[in-house]
Protein backbone atom coordinates (compact mmCIF):
# COMPACT_ATOMS: atom_id res chain seq x y z
CA MET A 1 84.79 104.05 85.79
CA ASN A 2 84.95 106.25 89.18
CA THR A 3 88.63 107.70 88.85
CA LEU A 4 89.14 110.95 89.97
CA PRO A 5 90.78 113.61 87.89
CA ARG A 6 94.55 114.53 89.52
CA SER A 7 93.97 118.10 91.55
CA THR A 8 92.78 120.95 89.54
CA ALA A 9 93.38 123.40 92.46
CA THR A 10 93.66 127.02 91.66
CA GLN A 11 96.85 129.10 92.61
CA SER A 12 94.94 131.97 94.02
CA ARG A 13 95.17 130.30 97.67
CA PRO A 14 98.69 129.83 99.61
CA THR A 15 100.73 127.18 100.12
CA GLY A 16 99.69 126.05 103.92
CA PRO A 17 102.31 127.88 106.21
CA GLY A 18 100.35 126.44 109.42
CA VAL A 19 100.48 122.75 108.57
CA ASP A 20 102.96 120.80 109.98
CA MET A 21 104.37 118.49 107.26
CA ARG A 22 106.00 115.99 109.30
CA LEU A 23 103.15 114.98 111.17
CA LEU A 24 100.72 115.24 107.65
CA GLY A 25 103.05 112.65 106.68
CA ILE A 26 102.75 110.60 109.52
CA TYR A 27 98.91 110.60 109.39
CA LEU A 28 98.70 110.20 105.59
CA ASN A 29 100.95 107.19 105.74
CA ASP A 30 98.82 106.04 108.93
CA HIS A 31 95.79 106.36 106.53
CA LEU A 32 97.80 104.54 103.67
CA ALA A 33 98.06 101.37 105.87
CA GLY A 34 94.31 101.68 106.75
CA ALA A 35 93.60 101.83 103.22
CA THR A 36 96.14 98.86 102.29
CA ALA A 37 94.33 96.92 104.85
CA GLY A 38 90.56 98.03 103.79
CA THR A 39 91.54 97.41 100.06
CA GLU A 40 92.90 93.81 101.13
CA ARG A 41 89.93 93.20 103.12
CA ALA A 42 87.31 94.64 100.18
CA THR A 43 88.92 92.69 97.72
CA ARG A 44 89.05 89.28 99.52
CA LEU A 45 85.63 89.66 100.67
CA ALA A 46 84.35 90.38 96.96
CA ARG A 47 86.05 87.31 96.11
CA ALA A 48 84.74 85.28 98.59
CA ALA A 49 81.20 86.54 98.07
CA GLY A 50 81.46 85.27 93.96
CA GLY A 51 78.31 85.84 91.84
CA SER A 52 75.86 86.24 94.86
CA ALA A 53 73.86 89.15 95.59
CA LEU A 54 76.57 90.42 98.51
CA GLY A 55 79.17 89.68 96.15
CA ARG A 56 77.87 91.84 93.34
CA ALA A 57 76.78 94.74 95.67
CA ILE A 58 80.75 94.65 97.26
CA GLU A 59 82.45 94.09 94.32
CA PRO A 60 82.23 97.86 92.80
CA VAL A 61 82.88 98.96 96.41
CA ALA A 62 85.85 97.23 96.47
CA ALA A 63 86.73 98.36 93.26
CA GLU A 64 86.33 102.16 94.64
CA ILE A 65 88.31 101.42 97.69
CA ALA A 66 90.92 100.53 95.43
CA GLN A 67 90.46 103.79 93.61
CA ASP A 68 90.57 105.62 96.96
CA ARG A 69 93.69 104.42 97.78
CA ALA A 70 95.19 105.20 94.65
CA ALA A 71 93.98 108.64 95.35
CA LEU A 72 95.27 109.00 98.92
CA LEU A 73 98.79 107.59 96.61
CA ASP A 74 97.95 110.36 94.49
CA ILE A 75 97.70 113.27 96.97
CA MET A 76 101.11 112.11 98.98
CA ALA A 77 102.56 112.70 95.89
CA ASP A 78 101.42 116.17 95.50
CA LEU A 79 102.06 117.10 98.99
CA GLY A 80 105.68 115.50 98.15
CA VAL A 81 104.81 113.15 101.17
CA PRO A 82 107.03 110.13 101.02
CA VAL A 83 105.67 106.54 101.67
CA ARG A 84 106.91 104.71 104.52
CA ARG A 85 106.67 101.06 102.64
CA TYR A 86 106.90 99.82 106.58
CA LYS A 87 103.41 101.24 107.32
CA VAL A 88 101.89 99.77 104.12
CA CYS A 89 103.57 96.57 105.25
CA ALA A 90 102.11 96.63 108.54
CA GLY A 91 98.52 97.09 106.82
CA TRP A 92 98.98 94.00 104.63
CA ALA A 93 100.19 91.78 107.57
CA GLY A 94 97.38 93.50 109.81
CA GLU A 95 94.33 92.35 107.70
CA LYS A 96 96.28 89.05 107.01
CA LEU A 97 96.84 88.51 110.63
CA GLY A 98 93.23 89.61 111.56
CA ARG A 99 91.62 86.44 109.30
CA LEU A 100 93.33 84.26 111.98
CA LYS A 101 90.53 85.25 114.58
CA PRO A 102 88.52 82.38 115.25
CA ASN A 103 84.76 82.46 114.82
CA GLY A 104 83.24 79.96 116.34
CA HIS A 105 84.38 77.44 113.40
CA LEU A 106 87.32 75.42 113.01
CA LEU A 107 87.44 73.80 109.95
CA ARG A 108 84.65 75.82 108.11
CA PRO A 109 84.07 79.11 107.68
CA SER A 110 81.80 80.97 110.24
CA PRO A 111 78.78 82.79 109.41
CA LEU A 112 79.97 85.64 111.58
CA GLY A 113 83.05 86.05 109.27
CA THR A 114 81.26 87.85 106.47
CA MET A 115 79.63 90.21 109.36
CA LEU A 116 82.65 90.89 110.82
CA ASP A 117 84.30 91.49 107.26
CA LEU A 118 81.70 94.07 106.58
CA GLU A 119 81.97 95.99 109.90
CA ALA A 120 85.60 95.95 109.30
CA LEU A 121 84.84 97.54 105.99
CA ARG A 122 82.71 99.91 107.45
CA LEU A 123 84.90 101.16 110.14
CA GLY A 124 87.30 101.40 107.50
CA VAL A 125 85.41 103.72 105.29
CA GLU A 126 84.59 106.21 108.32
CA GLY A 127 88.19 106.49 108.91
CA LYS A 128 88.78 107.33 105.45
CA ALA A 129 86.17 109.74 105.50
CA ALA A 130 87.59 111.51 108.68
CA GLY A 131 90.63 111.42 106.47
CA TRP A 132 89.38 113.25 103.68
CA GLN A 133 87.16 115.62 105.76
CA VAL A 134 90.66 116.79 107.35
CA LEU A 135 92.07 117.17 104.02
CA ARG A 136 89.05 119.31 102.82
CA ARG A 137 89.54 121.76 105.75
CA LEU A 138 93.38 121.82 104.84
CA SER A 139 92.48 122.32 101.11
CA ALA A 140 90.95 126.21 102.44
CA ALA A 141 95.28 127.01 102.77
CA ASP A 142 97.13 124.72 100.59
CA GLU A 143 96.83 124.98 96.92
CA ARG A 144 98.18 121.45 96.65
CA LEU A 145 94.79 120.57 97.53
CA ASP A 146 91.62 120.48 95.17
CA PRO A 147 88.58 120.95 97.45
CA ALA A 148 86.25 119.79 94.67
CA ARG A 149 88.28 116.38 94.90
CA PHE A 150 87.57 116.06 98.75
CA ASP A 151 84.05 116.82 97.97
CA THR A 152 83.78 114.01 95.71
CA LEU A 153 86.10 111.58 98.00
CA LEU A 154 83.66 112.06 100.69
CA GLU A 155 80.33 111.26 98.78
CA ARG A 156 81.90 108.09 97.30
CA ALA A 157 82.48 106.98 101.00
CA ARG A 158 78.71 108.26 102.00
CA ARG A 159 77.79 106.07 99.18
CA GLN A 160 79.93 103.30 100.41
CA GLN A 161 78.98 103.35 103.93
CA GLU A 162 75.48 102.96 102.91
CA ARG A 163 76.00 100.38 100.74
CA ILE A 164 78.31 98.18 103.55
CA GLU A 165 75.97 99.10 106.17
CA GLU A 166 73.02 97.80 104.21
CA TRP A 167 74.64 94.25 103.89
CA ARG A 168 76.15 94.56 107.48
CA VAL A 169 72.74 94.48 108.88
CA ARG A 170 71.47 91.80 106.21
CA GLN A 171 74.31 89.33 107.27
CA ALA A 172 74.12 89.89 110.73
CA GLU A 173 70.48 88.94 110.93
CA GLU A 174 71.49 86.03 108.78
CA ALA A 175 74.33 84.68 110.82
CA LEU A 176 72.65 85.61 114.23
CA ALA A 177 69.38 83.72 113.21
CA ALA A 178 71.58 80.69 111.85
CA THR A 179 73.32 80.15 115.22
CA VAL A 180 70.17 80.44 117.62
CA GLY A 181 68.75 77.27 116.31
């Protein structure tokens, strides 16, 4: 299992006096909304792909994305940032509404659906990595943030990007080749 330990940051670094905690709270809650949507999307994609090769490839990524969301919640707790439920609900609802987009088929799944799900996941993981990078930089000045934790999260995001991109390209070739006939 790829669970991350709670922060083991040393006490030798000062708590970040230069960080606007109100803005950081907004930023982290925005990332939490995205993490909620990403977790929903990844879980649904893994379930829909079932026992296929795609499903076997995406299931562990979906589990890691859920773990990353939990890590974000832990980090927010470490920083004393309250969770804004309305943003979590907006992320959840946004993912559900995103499913309503027509992809060229009304009564059956479109071959574009999986490809677009993978593209959305790729973008989400890139955004998550950007957030981890910001927090990694802030860890230099805030003892509540463990730089090693962010190094681990960034490496995991890089692996997720590679796996998702591999399958996104495969699905694009398959979906678009099937529609050219």
